[in-house]
Amino acid sequence: MSKRSIGIDRLEIRLKGVAPHTVRAAVGDLGHELLGRLARQSPGPERTGSIDHLDSGTVSLASEPTPPQLRRTIADTIAASINSIPRKVG
């Protein structure tokens, strides 16, 4: 993997009360949404590391989220976990 890549081997998302068609529509373009979130970050020292497991807990959504709302919420959660990887020093 290059220094400018992110590999996600497995992503498991459990959703309660969200219609299956909304989930399918939301995750269909999740990669682009996540890349957009990460591209807006300020550049800095290289990050290296691994996130073996992330449990974001409970995230509140609108009673019937739209696919874009759901996609943004998922991408924000993943981007926040990637941001938690320490930057290399020196």
N, C-alpha and C. Protein backbone atom coordinates (compact mmCIF):
# COMPACT_ATOMS: atom_id res chain seq x y z
N MET A 1 0.85 -1.18 0.00
CA MET A 1 0.00 0.00 0.00
C MET A 1 0.89 1.24 0.00
N SER A 2 0.54 2.21 -0.80
CA SER A 2 1.35 3.43 -0.86
C SER A 2 1.11 4.29 0.37
N LYS A 3 1.95 5.32 0.51
CA LYS A 3 1.80 6.22 1.66
C LYS A 3 0.54 7.07 1.56
N ARG A 4 -0.09 7.07 0.40
CA ARG A 4 -1.28 7.90 0.23
C ARG A 4 -2.52 7.04 0.06
N SER A 5 -2.55 5.93 0.73
CA SER A 5 -3.71 5.06 0.57
C SER A 5 -4.23 4.61 1.92
N ILE A 6 -5.46 4.20 1.89
CA ILE A 6 -6.12 3.69 3.07
C ILE A 6 -6.76 2.38 2.66
N GLY A 7 -6.49 1.35 3.38
CA GLY A 7 -7.11 0.06 3.10
C GLY A 7 -8.12 -0.28 4.18
N ILE A 8 -9.32 -0.58 3.77
CA ILE A 8 -10.35 -1.00 4.72
C ILE A 8 -10.71 -2.42 4.34
N ASP A 9 -10.31 -3.36 5.18
CA ASP A 9 -10.55 -4.76 4.89
C ASP A 9 -12.01 -5.16 5.10
N ARG A 10 -12.60 -4.60 6.12
CA ARG A 10 -13.97 -4.99 6.43
C ARG A 10 -14.65 -3.84 7.15
N LEU A 11 -15.87 -3.58 6.78
CA LEU A 11 -16.65 -2.53 7.42
C LEU A 11 -18.00 -3.12 7.77
N GLU A 12 -18.32 -3.11 9.04
CA GLU A 12 -19.59 -3.66 9.50
C GLU A 12 -20.36 -2.54 10.18
N ILE A 13 -21.54 -2.28 9.67
CA ILE A 13 -22.37 -1.20 10.20
C ILE A 13 -23.73 -1.80 10.56
N ARG A 14 -24.14 -1.60 11.78
CA ARG A 14 -25.45 -2.11 12.21
C ARG A 14 -26.39 -0.92 12.32
N LEU A 15 -27.49 -1.02 11.63
CA LEU A 15 -28.47 0.06 11.64
C LEU A 15 -29.82 -0.48 12.08
N LYS A 16 -30.43 0.23 13.01
CA LYS A 16 -31.77 -0.14 13.45
C LYS A 16 -32.75 0.91 12.95
N GLY A 17 -33.84 0.46 12.41
CA GLY A 17 -34.89 1.36 12.01
C GLY A 17 -34.64 2.13 10.73
N VAL A 18 -33.65 1.73 9.95
CA VAL A 18 -33.38 2.40 8.68
C VAL A 18 -33.78 1.44 7.57
N ALA A 19 -34.54 1.94 6.64
CA ALA A 19 -35.05 1.10 5.55
C ALA A 19 -33.89 0.53 4.72
N PRO A 20 -33.98 -0.73 4.34
CA PRO A 20 -32.91 -1.36 3.54
C PRO A 20 -32.56 -0.60 2.27
N HIS A 21 -33.55 -0.03 1.58
CA HIS A 21 -33.25 0.72 0.34
C HIS A 21 -32.45 1.99 0.64
N THR A 22 -32.67 2.59 1.80
CA THR A 22 -31.90 3.77 2.21
C THR A 22 -30.46 3.38 2.48
N VAL A 23 -30.26 2.26 3.16
CA VAL A 23 -28.91 1.79 3.45
C VAL A 23 -28.16 1.50 2.16
N ARG A 24 -28.78 0.77 1.24
CA ARG A 24 -28.13 0.44 -0.04
C ARG A 24 -27.75 1.70 -0.80
N ALA A 25 -28.63 2.67 -0.85
CA ALA A 25 -28.35 3.92 -1.56
C ALA A 25 -27.23 4.71 -0.87
N ALA A 26 -27.18 4.66 0.45
CA ALA A 26 -26.17 5.42 1.20
C ALA A 26 -24.78 4.84 1.03
N VAL A 27 -24.66 3.53 1.15
CA VAL A 27 -23.33 2.93 1.11
C VAL A 27 -22.80 2.78 -0.31
N GLY A 28 -23.66 2.94 -1.29
CA GLY A 28 -23.22 2.81 -2.68
C GLY A 28 -22.15 3.82 -3.07
N ASP A 29 -22.16 4.98 -2.46
CA ASP A 29 -21.19 6.03 -2.78
C ASP A 29 -20.41 6.44 -1.54
N LEU A 30 -20.32 5.55 -0.58
CA LEU A 30 -19.64 5.86 0.68
C LEU A 30 -18.17 6.17 0.48
N GLY A 31 -17.50 5.46 -0.41
CA GLY A 31 -16.08 5.69 -0.66
C GLY A 31 -15.80 7.12 -1.09
N HIS A 32 -16.61 7.64 -2.00
CA HIS A 32 -16.41 9.02 -2.46
C HIS A 32 -16.66 10.03 -1.34
N GLU A 33 -17.66 9.76 -0.55
CA GLU A 33 -17.97 10.66 0.58
C GLU A 33 -16.80 10.67 1.57
N LEU A 34 -16.26 9.51 1.87
CA LEU A 34 -15.15 9.42 2.80
C LEU A 34 -13.91 10.11 2.23
N LEU A 35 -13.62 9.89 0.98
CA LEU A 35 -12.47 10.56 0.36
C LEU A 35 -12.63 12.08 0.41
N GLY A 36 -13.84 12.56 0.19
CA GLY A 36 -14.10 13.99 0.28
C GLY A 36 -13.83 14.53 1.67
N ARG A 37 -14.26 13.78 2.69
CA ARG A 37 -14.01 14.20 4.07
C ARG A 37 -12.51 14.25 4.36
N LEU A 38 -11.79 13.22 3.94
CA LEU A 38 -10.35 13.16 4.21
C LEU A 38 -9.57 14.17 3.40
N ALA A 39 -10.02 14.50 2.21
CA ALA A 39 -9.32 15.47 1.35
C ALA A 39 -9.38 16.87 1.93
N ARG A 40 -10.39 17.17 2.73
CA ARG A 40 -10.53 18.50 3.32
C ARG A 40 -9.66 18.70 4.55
N GLN A 41 -9.01 17.65 5.01
CA GLN A 41 -8.15 17.78 6.18
C GLN A 41 -6.90 18.56 5.82
N SER A 42 -6.38 19.27 6.78
CA SER A 42 -5.15 20.02 6.54
C SER A 42 -3.98 19.05 6.42
N PRO A 43 -3.08 19.30 5.48
CA PRO A 43 -1.93 18.41 5.35
C PRO A 43 -1.02 18.55 6.56
N GLY A 44 -0.29 17.54 6.81
CA GLY A 44 0.63 17.54 7.94
C GLY A 44 1.54 16.35 7.83
N PRO A 45 2.25 16.04 8.89
CA PRO A 45 3.13 14.89 8.87
C PRO A 45 2.36 13.61 8.52
N GLU A 46 3.07 12.69 7.96
CA GLU A 46 2.49 11.41 7.55
C GLU A 46 1.89 10.69 8.74
N ARG A 47 0.81 9.99 8.48
CA ARG A 47 0.19 9.15 9.51
C ARG A 47 0.41 7.69 9.11
N THR A 48 0.76 6.90 10.07
CA THR A 48 0.81 5.47 9.84
C THR A 48 0.19 4.80 11.04
N GLY A 49 -0.44 3.71 10.81
CA GLY A 49 -1.03 3.02 11.92
C GLY A 49 -2.13 2.10 11.46
N SER A 50 -2.81 1.56 12.41
CA SER A 50 -3.85 0.60 12.14
C SER A 50 -5.00 0.83 13.10
N ILE A 51 -6.18 0.70 12.58
CA ILE A 51 -7.37 0.72 13.41
C ILE A 51 -7.95 -0.68 13.29
N ASP A 52 -7.74 -1.48 14.31
CA ASP A 52 -8.19 -2.87 14.25
C ASP A 52 -9.68 -3.00 14.48
N HIS A 53 -10.21 -2.14 15.30
CA HIS A 53 -11.63 -2.22 15.64
C HIS A 53 -12.10 -0.84 16.06
N LEU A 54 -13.22 -0.44 15.55
CA LEU A 54 -13.80 0.85 15.92
C LEU A 54 -15.25 0.62 16.31
N ASP A 55 -15.60 1.06 17.47
CA ASP A 55 -16.99 0.99 17.90
C ASP A 55 -17.41 2.42 18.18
N SER A 56 -18.19 2.98 17.28
CA SER A 56 -18.58 4.37 17.42
C SER A 56 -19.74 4.56 18.39
N GLY A 57 -20.23 3.49 18.94
CA GLY A 57 -21.34 3.60 19.87
C GLY A 57 -22.63 3.90 19.12
N THR A 58 -23.48 4.64 19.75
CA THR A 58 -24.77 4.97 19.15
C THR A 58 -24.71 6.35 18.52
N VAL A 59 -25.16 6.43 17.31
CA VAL A 59 -25.21 7.70 16.60
C VAL A 59 -26.68 8.03 16.36
N SER A 60 -27.08 9.22 16.72
CA SER A 60 -28.47 9.63 16.52
C SER A 60 -28.68 10.09 15.08
N LEU A 61 -29.75 9.62 14.50
CA LEU A 61 -30.13 9.99 13.14
C LEU A 61 -31.55 10.53 13.16
N ALA A 62 -31.90 11.22 12.09
CA ALA A 62 -33.28 11.64 11.92
C ALA A 62 -34.13 10.37 11.89
N SER A 63 -35.42 10.50 12.18
CA SER A 63 -36.26 9.31 12.25
C SER A 63 -36.25 8.51 10.94
N GLU A 64 -36.16 9.17 9.83
CA GLU A 64 -36.02 8.50 8.53
C GLU A 64 -34.96 9.24 7.74
N PRO A 65 -33.68 8.92 7.98
CA PRO A 65 -32.62 9.66 7.30
C PRO A 65 -32.63 9.42 5.79
N THR A 66 -32.23 10.42 5.07
CA THR A 66 -32.08 10.25 3.63
C THR A 66 -30.74 9.56 3.37
N PRO A 67 -30.57 8.95 2.21
CA PRO A 67 -29.27 8.33 1.92
C PRO A 67 -28.09 9.30 2.08
N PRO A 68 -28.18 10.56 1.61
CA PRO A 68 -27.05 11.47 1.82
C PRO A 68 -26.77 11.74 3.31
N GLN A 69 -27.82 11.88 4.13
CA GLN A 69 -27.61 12.10 5.56
C GLN A 69 -26.91 10.90 6.20
N LEU A 70 -27.37 9.72 5.85
CA LEU A 70 -26.78 8.51 6.41
C LEU A 70 -25.34 8.34 5.94
N ARG A 71 -25.08 8.60 4.66
CA ARG A 71 -23.73 8.51 4.10
C ARG A 71 -22.77 9.46 4.80
N ARG A 72 -23.22 10.71 5.02
CA ARG A 72 -22.38 11.71 5.70
C ARG A 72 -22.06 11.27 7.13
N THR A 73 -23.05 10.74 7.83
CA THR A 73 -22.84 10.30 9.21
C THR A 73 -21.82 9.17 9.27
N ILE A 74 -21.95 8.19 8.39
CA ILE A 74 -21.01 7.07 8.37
C ILE A 74 -19.61 7.56 8.00
N ALA A 75 -19.51 8.40 6.97
CA ALA A 75 -18.20 8.91 6.54
C ALA A 75 -17.55 9.75 7.63
N ASP A 76 -18.33 10.57 8.32
CA ASP A 76 -17.78 11.37 9.42
C ASP A 76 -17.20 10.49 10.52
N THR A 77 -17.88 9.40 10.84
CA THR A 77 -17.43 8.49 11.88
C THR A 77 -16.12 7.81 11.48
N ILE A 78 -16.04 7.34 10.25
CA ILE A 78 -14.81 6.69 9.78
C ILE A 78 -13.67 7.70 9.71
N ALA A 79 -13.94 8.90 9.19
CA ALA A 79 -12.89 9.94 9.09
C ALA A 79 -12.37 10.31 10.47
N ALA A 80 -13.25 10.39 11.45
CA ALA A 80 -12.81 10.73 12.81
C ALA A 80 -11.88 9.65 13.36
N SER A 81 -12.16 8.40 13.05
CA SER A 81 -11.28 7.34 13.54
C SER A 81 -9.92 7.38 12.84
N ILE A 82 -9.91 7.70 11.56
CA ILE A 82 -8.64 7.83 10.84
C ILE A 82 -7.86 9.02 11.39
N ASN A 83 -8.54 10.09 11.72
CA ASN A 83 -7.87 11.26 12.31
C ASN A 83 -7.28 10.96 13.67
N SER A 84 -7.75 9.91 14.33
CA SER A 84 -7.23 9.60 15.65
C SER A 84 -5.87 8.89 15.59
N ILE A 85 -5.43 8.49 14.40
CA ILE A 85 -4.11 7.86 14.28
C ILE A 85 -3.06 8.95 14.49
N PRO A 86 -2.11 8.71 15.37
CA PRO A 86 -1.09 9.74 15.63
C PRO A 86 -0.24 10.03 14.39
N ARG A 87 0.16 11.27 14.27
CA ARG A 87 1.06 11.66 13.17
C ARG A 87 2.48 11.32 13.57
N LYS A 88 3.28 11.00 12.55
CA LYS A 88 4.70 10.72 12.80
C LYS A 88 5.39 12.01 13.24
N VAL A 89 6.28 11.88 14.17
CA VAL A 89 7.07 13.02 14.65
C VAL A 89 8.51 12.78 14.26
N GLY A 90 9.14 13.83 13.66
CA GLY A 90 10.55 13.77 13.31
C GLY A 90 10.78 12.87 12.20
